[in-house]
Each structure stands twice: as C-alpha cells, then as structure tokens.
Amino acid sequence: MRQDDNGNRYLVAGGLTRAAAEQLAAEFEARGHKQLYWVERESA
C-alpha cells in the first residue's frame, strides 16, 4: 500500500508473498519518495 501527501491510499502490488511485498516497500522507501509505503494482508 502507498499513502500520498493528501492521505489517499493506493494498492501498489498484489499477489506477492509477504517477504516480496516487504522487499518492494523497502525499495520504494529507499528511493526517497515522499509517500508512505507499507505491507498489509489482502482481504478475500
């Protein structure tokens, strides 16, 4: 998930293992984007 400066939340990627999702979120954070990235379980 990603949250922009206005508080809007977006799904960045789905269908990943938790480890892969955490790696992707870490890569985005490392790029210095001003958005907040995190991993959460997808609802059924």
PDB file of N, CA and C in Angstrom:
ATOM      1  N   MET A   1       0.838  -1.172   0.000  1.00  0.00           N
ATOM      2  CA  MET A   1       0.000   0.000   0.000  1.00  0.00           C
ATOM      3  C   MET A   1       0.883   1.236   0.000  1.00  0.00           C
ATOM      4  N   ARG A   2       0.316   2.317  -0.508  1.00  0.00           N
ATOM      5  CA  ARG A   2       1.020   3.595  -0.535  1.00  0.00           C
ATOM      6  C   ARG A   2       0.038   4.677  -0.117  1.00  0.00           C
ATOM      7  N   GLN A   3       0.522   5.636   0.639  1.00  0.00           N
ATOM      8  CA  GLN A   3      -0.289   6.796   1.005  1.00  0.00           C
ATOM      9  C   GLN A   3       0.447   8.050   0.555  1.00  0.00           C
ATOM     10  N   ASP A   4      -0.258   8.912  -0.202  1.00  0.00           N
ATOM     11  CA  ASP A   4       0.371  10.133  -0.687  1.00  0.00           C
ATOM     12  C   ASP A   4       0.241  11.262   0.338  1.00  0.00           C
ATOM     13  N   ASP A   5       0.759  12.423  -0.036  1.00  0.00           N
ATOM     14  CA  ASP A   5       0.768  13.573   0.869  1.00  0.00           C
ATOM     15  C   ASP A   5      -0.633  14.047   1.262  1.00  0.00           C
ATOM     16  N   ASN A   6      -1.650  13.693   0.482  1.00  0.00           N
ATOM     17  CA  ASN A   6      -3.024  14.102   0.762  1.00  0.00           C
ATOM     18  C   ASN A   6      -3.817  13.066   1.549  1.00  0.00           C
ATOM     19  N   GLY A   7      -3.165  11.959   1.918  1.00  0.00           N
ATOM     20  CA  GLY A   7      -3.834  10.919   2.685  1.00  0.00           C
ATOM     21  C   GLY A   7      -4.545   9.884   1.834  1.00  0.00           C
ATOM     22  N   ASN A   8      -4.422   9.963   0.502  1.00  0.00           N
ATOM     23  CA  ASN A   8      -5.036   8.969  -0.375  1.00  0.00           C
ATOM     24  C   ASN A   8      -4.213   7.693  -0.337  1.00  0.00           C
ATOM     25  N   ARG A   9      -4.902   6.550  -0.274  1.00  0.00           N
ATOM     26  CA  ARG A   9      -4.223   5.255  -0.202  1.00  0.00           C
ATOM     27  C   ARG A   9      -4.436   4.485  -1.493  1.00  0.00           C
ATOM     28  N   TYR A  10      -3.378   3.796  -1.933  1.00  0.00           N
ATOM     29  CA  TYR A  10      -3.400   3.059  -3.200  1.00  0.00           C
ATOM     30  C   TYR A  10      -2.751   1.694  -3.027  1.00  0.00           C
ATOM     31  N   LEU A  11      -3.304   0.710  -3.713  1.00  0.00           N
ATOM     32  CA  LEU A  11      -2.690  -0.609  -3.787  1.00  0.00           C
ATOM     33  C   LEU A  11      -1.575  -0.530  -4.818  1.00  0.00           C
ATOM     34  N   VAL A  12      -0.349  -0.857  -4.421  1.00  0.00           N
ATOM     35  CA  VAL A  12       0.801  -0.800  -5.320  1.00  0.00           C
ATOM     36  C   VAL A  12       0.983  -2.125  -6.036  1.00  0.00           C
ATOM     37  N   ALA A  13       0.847  -3.224  -5.315  1.00  0.00           N
ATOM     38  CA  ALA A  13       1.019  -4.553  -5.902  1.00  0.00           C
ATOM     39  C   ALA A  13       0.224  -5.548  -5.087  1.00  0.00           C
ATOM     40  N   GLY A  14      -0.248  -6.587  -5.742  1.00  0.00           N
ATOM     41  CA  GLY A  14      -0.996  -7.638  -5.067  1.00  0.00           C
ATOM     42  C   GLY A  14      -0.480  -9.002  -5.468  1.00  0.00           C
ATOM     43  N   GLY A  15      -0.855 -10.005  -4.704  1.00  0.00           N
ATOM     44  CA  GLY A  15      -0.490 -11.377  -5.032  1.00  0.00           C
ATOM     45  C   GLY A  15       0.953 -11.725  -4.737  1.00  0.00           C
ATOM     46  N   LEU A  16       1.617 -10.938  -3.895  1.00  0.00           N
ATOM     47  CA  LEU A  16       3.008 -11.207  -3.539  1.00  0.00           C
ATOM     48  C   LEU A  16       3.082 -11.925  -2.204  1.00  0.00           C
ATOM     49  N   THR A  17       4.168 -12.652  -1.983  1.00  0.00           N
ATOM     50  CA  THR A  17       4.395 -13.191  -0.645  1.00  0.00           C
ATOM     51  C   THR A  17       4.697 -12.012   0.268  1.00  0.00           C
ATOM     52  N   ARG A  18       4.556 -12.215   1.563  1.00  0.00           N
ATOM     53  CA  ARG A  18       4.839 -11.120   2.491  1.00  0.00           C
ATOM     54  C   ARG A  18       6.283 -10.646   2.347  1.00  0.00           C
ATOM     55  N   ALA A  19       7.210 -11.579   2.202  1.00  0.00           N
ATOM     56  CA  ALA A  19       8.627 -11.208   2.070  1.00  0.00           C
ATOM     57  C   ALA A  19       8.853 -10.363   0.818  1.00  0.00           C
ATOM     58  N   ALA A  20       8.236 -10.753  -0.290  1.00  0.00           N
ATOM     59  CA  ALA A  20       8.385  -9.995  -1.535  1.00  0.00           C
ATOM     60  C   ALA A  20       7.747  -8.617  -1.413  1.00  0.00           C
ATOM     61  N   ALA A  21       6.601  -8.545  -0.757  1.00  0.00           N
ATOM     62  CA  ALA A  21       5.923  -7.260  -0.572  1.00  0.00           C
ATOM     63  C   ALA A  21       6.745  -6.335   0.317  1.00  0.00           C
ATOM     64  N   GLU A  22       7.318  -6.874   1.380  1.00  0.00           N
ATOM     65  CA  GLU A  22       8.151  -6.064   2.258  1.00  0.00           C
ATOM     66  C   GLU A  22       9.398  -5.567   1.524  1.00  0.00           C
ATOM     67  N   GLN A  23       9.978  -6.404   0.666  1.00  0.00           N
ATOM     68  CA  GLN A  23      11.138  -6.004  -0.124  1.00  0.00           C
ATOM     69  C   GLN A  23      10.768  -4.871  -1.078  1.00  0.00           C
ATOM     70  N   LEU A  24       9.633  -4.988  -1.740  1.00  0.00           N
ATOM     71  CA  LEU A  24       9.185  -3.954  -2.668  1.00  0.00           C
ATOM     72  C   LEU A  24       8.941  -2.629  -1.932  1.00  0.00           C
ATOM     73  N   ALA A  25       8.283  -2.692  -0.786  1.00  0.00           N
ATOM     74  CA  ALA A  25       8.042  -1.481   0.006  1.00  0.00           C
ATOM     75  C   ALA A  25       9.362  -0.845   0.428  1.00  0.00           C
ATOM     76  N   ALA A  26      10.324  -1.661   0.822  1.00  0.00           N
ATOM     77  CA  ALA A  26      11.634  -1.149   1.230  1.00  0.00           C
ATOM     78  C   ALA A  26      12.352  -0.480   0.061  1.00  0.00           C
ATOM     79  N   GLU A  27      12.227  -1.056  -1.140  1.00  0.00           N
ATOM     80  CA  GLU A  27      12.851  -0.459  -2.325  1.00  0.00           C
ATOM     81  C   GLU A  27      12.251   0.913  -2.631  1.00  0.00           C
ATOM     82  N   PHE A  28      10.943   1.038  -2.543  1.00  0.00           N
ATOM     83  CA  PHE A  28      10.297   2.331  -2.770  1.00  0.00           C
ATOM     84  C   PHE A  28      10.728   3.347  -1.714  1.00  0.00           C
ATOM     85  N   GLU A  29      10.777   2.931  -0.447  1.00  0.00           N
ATOM     86  CA  GLU A  29      11.198   3.828   0.628  1.00  0.00           C
ATOM     87  C   GLU A  29      12.632   4.296   0.387  1.00  0.00           C
ATOM     88  N   ALA A  30      13.493   3.398  -0.080  1.00  0.00           N
ATOM     89  CA  ALA A  30      14.905   3.724  -0.307  1.00  0.00           C
ATOM     90  C   ALA A  30      15.085   4.737  -1.433  1.00  0.00           C
ATOM     91  N   ARG A  31      14.123   4.824  -2.331  1.00  0.00           N
ATOM     92  CA  ARG A  31      14.213   5.775  -3.448  1.00  0.00           C
ATOM     93  C   ARG A  31      13.926   7.203  -3.011  1.00  0.00           C
ATOM     94  N   GLY A  32      13.476   7.377  -1.776  1.00  0.00           N
ATOM     95  CA  GLY A  32      13.258   8.709  -1.249  1.00  0.00           C
ATOM     96  C   GLY A  32      11.938   9.342  -1.639  1.00  0.00           C
ATOM     97  N   HIS A  33      10.964   8.531  -2.062  1.00  0.00           N
ATOM     98  CA  HIS A  33       9.654   9.083  -2.368  1.00  0.00           C
ATOM     99  C   HIS A  33       9.060   9.710  -1.113  1.00  0.00           C
ATOM    100  N   LYS A  34       8.227  10.702  -1.269  1.00  0.00           N
ATOM    101  CA  LYS A  34       7.629  11.368  -0.113  1.00  0.00           C
ATOM    102  C   LYS A  34       6.335  10.706   0.340  1.00  0.00           C
ATOM    103  N   GLN A  35       6.011   9.571  -0.250  1.00  0.00           N
ATOM    104  CA  GLN A  35       4.830   8.829   0.166  1.00  0.00           C
ATOM    105  C   GLN A  35       5.233   7.796   1.217  1.00  0.00           C
ATOM    106  N   LEU A  36       4.237   7.309   1.939  1.00  0.00           N
ATOM    107  CA  LEU A  36       4.421   6.275   2.944  1.00  0.00           C
ATOM    108  C   LEU A  36       4.064   4.936   2.304  1.00  0.00           C
ATOM    109  N   TYR A  37       4.906   3.926   2.468  1.00  0.00           N
ATOM    110  CA  TYR A  37       4.658   2.587   1.929  1.00  0.00           C
ATOM    111  C   TYR A  37       4.607   1.589   3.074  1.00  0.00           C
ATOM    112  N   TRP A  38       3.700   0.606   2.978  1.00  0.00           N
ATOM    113  CA  TRP A  38       3.626  -0.444   3.987  1.00  0.00           C
ATOM    114  C   TRP A  38       2.994  -1.681   3.373  1.00  0.00           C
ATOM    115  N   VAL A  39       3.090  -2.793   4.110  1.00  0.00           N
ATOM    116  CA  VAL A  39       2.556  -4.079   3.682  1.00  0.00           C
ATOM    117  C   VAL A  39       1.373  -4.413   4.573  1.00  0.00           C
ATOM    118  N   GLU A  40       0.302  -4.883   3.963  1.00  0.00           N
ATOM    119  CA  GLU A  40      -0.828  -5.379   4.743  1.00  0.00           C
ATOM    120  C   GLU A  40      -1.458  -6.536   3.991  1.00  0.00           C
ATOM    121  N   ARG A  41      -2.132  -7.386   4.735  1.00  0.00           N
ATOM    122  CA  ARG A  41      -2.766  -8.567   4.163  1.00  0.00           C
ATOM    123  C   ARG A  41      -3.933  -8.142   3.264  1.00  0.00           C
ATOM    124  N   GLU A  42      -4.053  -8.812   2.100  1.00  0.00           N
ATOM    125  CA  GLU A  42      -5.172  -8.527   1.200  1.00  0.00           C
ATOM    126  C   GLU A  42      -6.429  -9.183   1.745  1.00  0.00           C
ATOM    127  N   SER A  43      -7.553  -8.509   1.627  1.00  0.00           N
ATOM    128  CA  SER A  43      -8.816  -9.110   2.046  1.00  0.00           C
ATOM    129  C   SER A  43      -9.311 -10.039   0.948  1.00  0.00           C
ATOM    130  N   ALA A  44     -10.054 -11.027   1.347  1.00  0.00           N
ATOM    131  CA  ALA A  44     -10.536 -12.045   0.385  1.00  0.00           C
ATOM    132  C   ALA A  44     -11.515 -11.505  -0.597  1.00  0.00           C
TER     133      ALA A  44
END
